[in-house]
Amino acid sequence: MIGSYAKEEDLQTEEVASSQIKEIGYTASGKAMYIRFGNGSVYRYSPATQEDYDNCSESESKGKHFHSVIKRSINATKIHNG
């Protein structure tokens, strides 16, 4: 679970139906998105906006959105090995 690795108190998370992504989260105070992948790895993407999170959350394909938008435009830090 992302909450085990993210320290911000305002973290909101949701499990998602995706073959690649299992959970996504966002924290306004940290201006960061968190993504837990199918292999258990957790990454922090920053700086991110509420809009970045909402667009991913609402996308029909989380994996396609991740590869075409998030991975290309937001800096990533691995915070947990799967």
Protein backbone atom coordinates (compact mmCIF):
# COMPACT_ATOMS: atom_id res chain seq x y z
CA MET A 1 0.00 0.00 0.00
CA ILE A 2 1.23 3.46 -0.91
CA GLY A 3 0.36 4.80 2.54
CA SER A 4 3.13 2.66 4.02
CA TYR A 5 5.76 4.63 2.06
CA ALA A 6 4.34 8.15 1.69
CA LYS A 7 4.57 10.39 4.74
CA GLU A 8 2.18 13.21 3.84
CA GLU A 9 -0.95 13.32 5.99
CA ASP A 10 -3.23 14.52 3.17
CA LEU A 11 -2.45 11.52 0.93
CA GLN A 12 -5.47 10.22 -0.95
CA THR A 13 -5.18 6.82 -2.63
CA GLU A 14 -7.28 4.44 -4.65
CA GLU A 15 -6.82 0.95 -5.98
CA VAL A 16 -7.37 0.81 -9.72
CA ALA A 17 -8.35 -1.84 -12.25
CA SER A 18 -5.29 -2.03 -14.48
CA SER A 19 -2.95 -4.78 -15.63
CA GLN A 20 0.10 -2.57 -14.91
CA ILE A 21 -0.92 -0.22 -12.09
CA LYS A 22 -2.49 -1.39 -8.84
CA GLU A 23 -2.84 1.82 -6.84
CA ILE A 24 -2.47 5.56 -7.34
CA GLY A 25 -2.28 8.37 -4.84
CA TYR A 26 -1.91 12.12 -4.60
CA THR A 27 -0.86 14.61 -1.95
CA ALA A 28 -1.45 18.33 -2.40
CA SER A 29 0.98 19.27 0.37
CA GLY A 30 3.77 17.29 -1.25
CA LYS A 31 2.69 18.12 -4.81
CA ALA A 32 3.27 14.49 -5.68
CA MET A 33 1.60 11.48 -7.24
CA TYR A 34 2.38 7.97 -6.09
CA ILE A 35 1.96 4.85 -8.21
CA ARG A 36 2.18 1.22 -7.06
CA PHE A 37 2.80 -1.12 -9.96
CA GLY A 38 1.82 -4.76 -10.37
CA ASN A 39 5.26 -5.94 -9.27
CA GLY A 40 4.89 -4.05 -5.96
CA SER A 41 7.29 -1.21 -6.79
CA VAL A 42 6.19 2.26 -5.63
CA TYR A 43 7.28 5.47 -7.35
CA ARG A 44 6.80 9.10 -6.36
CA TYR A 45 6.17 11.52 -9.26
CA SER A 46 6.83 15.17 -8.51
CA PRO A 47 5.95 17.92 -9.08
CA ALA A 48 2.40 16.79 -9.84
CA THR A 49 -0.94 18.54 -9.68
CA GLN A 50 -4.41 17.47 -8.65
CA GLU A 51 -5.24 17.62 -12.35
CA ASP A 52 -2.45 15.13 -13.14
CA TYR A 53 -3.90 12.74 -10.57
CA ASP A 54 -7.50 13.24 -11.70
CA ASN A 55 -6.59 12.68 -15.35
CA CYS A 56 -4.87 9.41 -14.49
CA SER A 57 -7.64 8.31 -12.16
CA GLU A 58 -10.34 9.02 -14.73
CA SER A 59 -8.50 7.63 -17.77
CA GLU A 60 -9.92 4.53 -19.39
CA SER A 61 -6.45 2.96 -19.58
CA LYS A 62 -4.24 3.83 -16.61
CA GLY A 63 -1.21 2.18 -18.21
CA LYS A 64 -1.55 4.08 -21.50
CA HIS A 65 -2.04 7.36 -19.64
CA PHE A 66 0.99 6.64 -17.49
CA HIS A 67 3.26 5.87 -20.45
CA SER A 68 2.06 8.72 -22.66
CA VAL A 69 1.79 11.50 -20.05
CA ILE A 70 3.14 10.87 -16.56
CA LYS A 71 6.31 8.97 -17.41
CA ARG A 72 7.25 11.54 -20.05
CA SER A 73 6.56 14.71 -18.10
CA ILE A 74 6.97 14.18 -14.33
CA ASN A 75 10.19 13.33 -12.48
CA ALA A 76 10.16 9.92 -10.78
CA THR A 77 11.80 8.60 -7.61
CA LYS A 78 11.57 4.94 -6.71
CA ILE A 79 10.61 4.68 -3.04
CA HIS A 80 10.01 0.93 -2.72
CA ASN A 81 11.28 -2.12 -4.59
CA GLY A 82 8.61 -4.68 -5.45
